[in-house]
Amino acid sequence: MNRRGRDNPRLIFPLETWFNVPYAIYRPGFADRMTGAMFKRYATIRYLANLKKKNEFQFTLEELERLDGISPRQAHEVNALLSEMRMISVDRRTKPYTYVVYASTEWQSIMPVRSRTKQRHETCLSGPVPVPW
């Protein structure tokens, strides 16, 4: 049986080439702007969605922590950032939380830049502010 494409019944997005995360994560620069925790959480959620054979499933933060090692406190921030990028959606009204994984065609092209050192470096290079008089 073919491991890719329409022949594999475990794929919820059959037209994407994948190894738990789609290759599209590297092309537009998503991976270089993601933290390690974001990448681990996305790979874990993508893996669980493929195991359950659907893009929507329920899991607790403690169960996800056992799989990827991200604490529940940090998981809230990571889930929020992945939701901003439209890679996943988390419904916190349900217990356990409901996760929805989106196809790479639905991801946001504008990514939040989380680097503080780059911002500090740019302000240092800008120099003094000119006085208008």
C-alpha atoms as a PDB file:
ATOM      1  CA  MET A   1       0.000   0.000   0.000  1.00  0.00           C
ATOM      2  CA  ASN A   2       1.245   3.490  -0.828  1.00  0.00           C
ATOM      3  CA  ARG A   3       2.243   5.540   2.259  1.00  0.00           C
ATOM      4  CA  ARG A   4       1.256   8.851   0.698  1.00  0.00           C
ATOM      5  CA  GLY A   5      -1.764  10.269  -1.008  1.00  0.00           C
ATOM      6  CA  ARG A   6      -5.250   8.900  -1.285  1.00  0.00           C
ATOM      7  CA  ASP A   7      -4.310   5.254  -0.670  1.00  0.00           C
ATOM      8  CA  ASN A   8      -3.393   5.734   2.982  1.00  0.00           C
ATOM      9  CA  PRO A   9      -6.563   5.602   5.150  1.00  0.00           C
ATOM     10  CA  ARG A  10      -4.776   7.153   8.163  1.00  0.00           C
ATOM     11  CA  LEU A  11      -4.278  10.533   6.490  1.00  0.00           C
ATOM     12  CA  ILE A  12      -6.886  13.157   7.281  1.00  0.00           C
ATOM     13  CA  PHE A  13      -5.411  15.474   4.620  1.00  0.00           C
ATOM     14  CA  PRO A  14      -4.716  12.988   1.803  1.00  0.00           C
ATOM     15  CA  LEU A  15      -3.286  15.459  -0.709  1.00  0.00           C
ATOM     16  CA  GLU A  16      -0.474  16.683   1.572  1.00  0.00           C
ATOM     17  CA  THR A  17       2.968  15.131   1.669  1.00  0.00           C
ATOM     18  CA  TRP A  18       3.817  14.575   5.308  1.00  0.00           C
ATOM     19  CA  PHE A  19       6.022  13.085   7.978  1.00  0.00           C
ATOM     20  CA  ASN A  20       3.693  13.967  10.862  1.00  0.00           C
ATOM     21  CA  VAL A  21       3.930  17.640   9.861  1.00  0.00           C
ATOM     22  CA  PRO A  22       3.456  18.848   6.279  1.00  0.00           C
ATOM     23  CA  TYR A  23       6.453  19.997   4.266  1.00  0.00           C
ATOM     24  CA  ALA A  24       4.713  23.363   3.814  1.00  0.00           C
ATOM     25  CA  ILE A  25       5.840  24.293   7.332  1.00  0.00           C
ATOM     26  CA  TYR A  26       9.355  24.919   5.964  1.00  0.00           C
ATOM     27  CA  ARG A  27       8.578  26.796   2.756  1.00  0.00           C
ATOM     28  CA  PRO A  28       6.973  30.078   3.938  1.00  0.00           C
ATOM     29  CA  GLY A  29       9.221  30.311   7.000  1.00  0.00           C
ATOM     30  CA  PHE A  30       6.837  28.979   9.614  1.00  0.00           C
ATOM     31  CA  ALA A  31       9.408  26.691  11.255  1.00  0.00           C
ATOM     32  CA  ASP A  32      12.061  29.369  11.790  1.00  0.00           C
ATOM     33  CA  ARG A  33       9.600  31.578  13.674  1.00  0.00           C
ATOM     34  CA  MET A  34       8.261  28.761  15.840  1.00  0.00           C
ATOM     35  CA  THR A  35       9.728  27.979  19.242  1.00  0.00           C
ATOM     36  CA  GLY A  36      10.705  24.423  20.063  1.00  0.00           C
ATOM     37  CA  ALA A  37       7.620  24.015  22.231  1.00  0.00           C
ATOM     38  CA  MET A  38       5.361  25.226  19.416  1.00  0.00           C
ATOM     39  CA  PHE A  39       6.912  22.783  16.961  1.00  0.00           C
ATOM     40  CA  LYS A  40       6.648  19.875  19.422  1.00  0.00           C
ATOM     41  CA  ARG A  41       3.033  20.670  20.270  1.00  0.00           C
ATOM     42  CA  TYR A  42       2.039  20.996  16.604  1.00  0.00           C
ATOM     43  CA  ALA A  43       3.769  17.715  15.685  1.00  0.00           C
ATOM     44  CA  THR A  44       2.054  15.950  18.611  1.00  0.00           C
ATOM     45  CA  ILE A  45      -1.384  17.302  17.735  1.00  0.00           C
ATOM     46  CA  ARG A  46      -0.876  16.444  14.075  1.00  0.00           C
ATOM     47  CA  TYR A  47       0.199  12.905  15.019  1.00  0.00           C
ATOM     48  CA  LEU A  48      -2.864  12.401  17.250  1.00  0.00           C
ATOM     49  CA  ALA A  49      -5.171  13.685  14.520  1.00  0.00           C
ATOM     50  CA  ASN A  50      -3.677  11.189  12.080  1.00  0.00           C
ATOM     51  CA  LEU A  51      -4.080   8.361  14.609  1.00  0.00           C
ATOM     52  CA  LYS A  52      -7.722   9.249  15.201  1.00  0.00           C
ATOM     53  CA  LYS A  53      -8.254   9.638  11.422  1.00  0.00           C
ATOM     54  CA  LYS A  54      -9.998  13.004  11.751  1.00  0.00           C
ATOM     55  CA  ASN A  55      -8.952  16.596  12.185  1.00  0.00           C
ATOM     56  CA  GLU A  56     -11.029  17.185  15.350  1.00  0.00           C
ATOM     57  CA  PHE A  57     -10.401  15.311  18.590  1.00  0.00           C
ATOM     58  CA  GLN A  58     -10.421  15.774  22.378  1.00  0.00           C
ATOM     59  CA  PHE A  59      -7.424  15.486  24.694  1.00  0.00           C
ATOM     60  CA  THR A  60      -6.509  16.834  28.133  1.00  0.00           C
ATOM     61  CA  LEU A  61      -3.445  18.986  28.739  1.00  0.00           C
ATOM     62  CA  GLU A  62      -2.046  16.359  31.099  1.00  0.00           C
ATOM     63  CA  GLU A  63      -2.267  13.639  28.437  1.00  0.00           C
ATOM     64  CA  LEU A  64      -0.562  15.910  25.916  1.00  0.00           C
ATOM     65  CA  GLU A  65       2.116  16.722  28.494  1.00  0.00           C
ATOM     66  CA  ARG A  66       2.924  13.024  28.794  1.00  0.00           C
ATOM     67  CA  LEU A  67       3.410  12.854  25.015  1.00  0.00           C
ATOM     68  CA  ASP A  68       5.396  16.010  24.275  1.00  0.00           C
ATOM     69  CA  GLY A  69       6.682  17.241  27.661  1.00  0.00           C
ATOM     70  CA  ILE A  70       5.085  20.705  27.506  1.00  0.00           C
ATOM     71  CA  SER A  71       3.666  21.758  30.862  1.00  0.00           C
ATOM     72  CA  PRO A  72      -0.001  22.806  31.045  1.00  0.00           C
ATOM     73  CA  ARG A  73       1.047  26.347  32.002  1.00  0.00           C
ATOM     74  CA  GLN A  74       3.204  26.771  28.896  1.00  0.00           C
ATOM     75  CA  ALA A  75       0.657  24.886  26.785  1.00  0.00           C
ATOM     76  CA  HIS A  76      -1.843  27.752  27.044  1.00  0.00           C
ATOM     77  CA  GLU A  77       0.652  30.169  25.472  1.00  0.00           C
ATOM     78  CA  VAL A  78       1.745  27.669  22.826  1.00  0.00           C
ATOM     79  CA  ASN A  79      -1.856  26.832  21.907  1.00  0.00           C
ATOM     80  CA  ALA A  80      -2.679  30.546  21.629  1.00  0.00           C
ATOM     81  CA  LEU A  81       0.273  31.176  19.300  1.00  0.00           C
ATOM     82  CA  LEU A  82      -0.587  28.176  17.109  1.00  0.00           C
ATOM     83  CA  SER A  83      -4.182  29.408  16.998  1.00  0.00           C
ATOM     84  CA  GLU A  84      -2.994  32.866  15.893  1.00  0.00           C
ATOM     85  CA  MET A  85      -1.180  31.238  12.991  1.00  0.00           C
ATOM     86  CA  ARG A  86      -4.355  29.281  12.166  1.00  0.00           C
ATOM     87  CA  MET A  87      -2.526  25.953  12.401  1.00  0.00           C
ATOM     88  CA  ILE A  88      -4.854  24.621  15.097  1.00  0.00           C
ATOM     89  CA  SER A  89      -7.951  25.677  16.963  1.00  0.00           C
ATOM     90  CA  VAL A  90      -8.567  24.918  20.639  1.00  0.00           C
ATOM     91  CA  ASP A  91     -12.063  24.933  22.127  1.00  0.00           C
ATOM     92  CA  ARG A  92     -11.570  25.463  25.866  1.00  0.00           C
ATOM     93  CA  ARG A  93     -15.284  25.326  26.629  1.00  0.00           C
ATOM     94  CA  THR A  94     -15.221  21.528  26.445  1.00  0.00           C
ATOM     95  CA  LYS A  95     -13.575  19.228  28.946  1.00  0.00           C
ATOM     96  CA  PRO A  96     -11.254  17.752  27.753  1.00  0.00           C
ATOM     97  CA  TYR A  97     -10.287  20.455  25.256  1.00  0.00           C
ATOM     98  CA  THR A  98     -11.294  19.967  21.621  1.00  0.00           C
ATOM     99  CA  TYR A  99      -8.466  20.437  19.120  1.00  0.00           C
ATOM    100  CA  VAL A 100      -8.998  21.092  15.413  1.00  0.00           C
ATOM    101  CA  VAL A 101      -6.056  20.773  12.995  1.00  0.00           C
ATOM    102  CA  TYR A 102      -6.160  22.849   9.806  1.00  0.00           C
ATOM    103  CA  ALA A 103      -4.653  22.042   6.422  1.00  0.00           C
ATOM    104  CA  SER A 104      -1.561  23.993   5.411  1.00  0.00           C
ATOM    105  CA  THR A 105      -3.564  25.907   2.809  1.00  0.00           C
ATOM    106  CA  GLU A 106      -5.534  27.585   5.629  1.00  0.00           C
ATOM    107  CA  TRP A 107      -2.528  28.810   7.627  1.00  0.00           C
ATOM    108  CA  GLN A 108      -1.990  32.537   8.088  1.00  0.00           C
ATOM    109  CA  SER A 109       0.785  33.921   5.903  1.00  0.00           C
ATOM    110  CA  ILE A 110       1.619  36.698   8.383  1.00  0.00           C
ATOM    111  CA  MET A 111       3.425  35.219  11.354  1.00  0.00           C
ATOM    112  CA  PRO A 112       3.988  36.962  14.689  1.00  0.00           C
ATOM    113  CA  VAL A 113       7.664  37.765  15.263  1.00  0.00           C
ATOM    114  CA  ARG A 114       8.531  36.793  18.829  1.00  0.00           C
ATOM    115  CA  SER A 115      12.194  37.809  18.874  1.00  0.00           C
ATOM    116  CA  ARG A 116      12.992  40.481  21.488  1.00  0.00           C
ATOM    117  CA  THR A 117      16.694  40.613  20.645  1.00  0.00           C
ATOM    118  CA  LYS A 118      15.939  41.665  17.086  1.00  0.00           C
ATOM    119  CA  GLN A 119      13.681  44.481  18.299  1.00  0.00           C
ATOM    120  CA  ARG A 120      16.323  45.689  20.785  1.00  0.00           C
ATOM    121  CA  HIS A 121      18.988  45.578  18.080  1.00  0.00           C
ATOM    122  CA  GLU A 122      16.852  47.651  15.701  1.00  0.00           C
ATOM    123  CA  THR A 123      16.200  50.327  18.342  1.00  0.00           C
ATOM    124  CA  CYS A 124      19.920  50.546  19.161  1.00  0.00           C
ATOM    125  CA  LEU A 125      20.809  51.099  15.512  1.00  0.00           C
ATOM    126  CA  SER A 126      18.172  53.752  14.972  1.00  0.00           C
ATOM    127  CA  GLY A 127      20.238  56.314  16.928  1.00  0.00           C
ATOM    128  CA  PRO A 128      19.012  59.440  18.660  1.00  0.00           C
ATOM    129  CA  VAL A 129      15.696  60.983  17.770  1.00  0.00           C
ATOM    130  CA  PRO A 130      16.164  64.269  15.821  1.00  0.00           C
ATOM    131  CA  VAL A 131      14.924  67.402  17.557  1.00  0.00           C
ATOM    132  CA  PRO A 132      12.401  69.315  15.420  1.00  0.00           C
ATOM    133  CA  TRP A 133      13.775  72.846  16.193  1.00  0.00           C
END
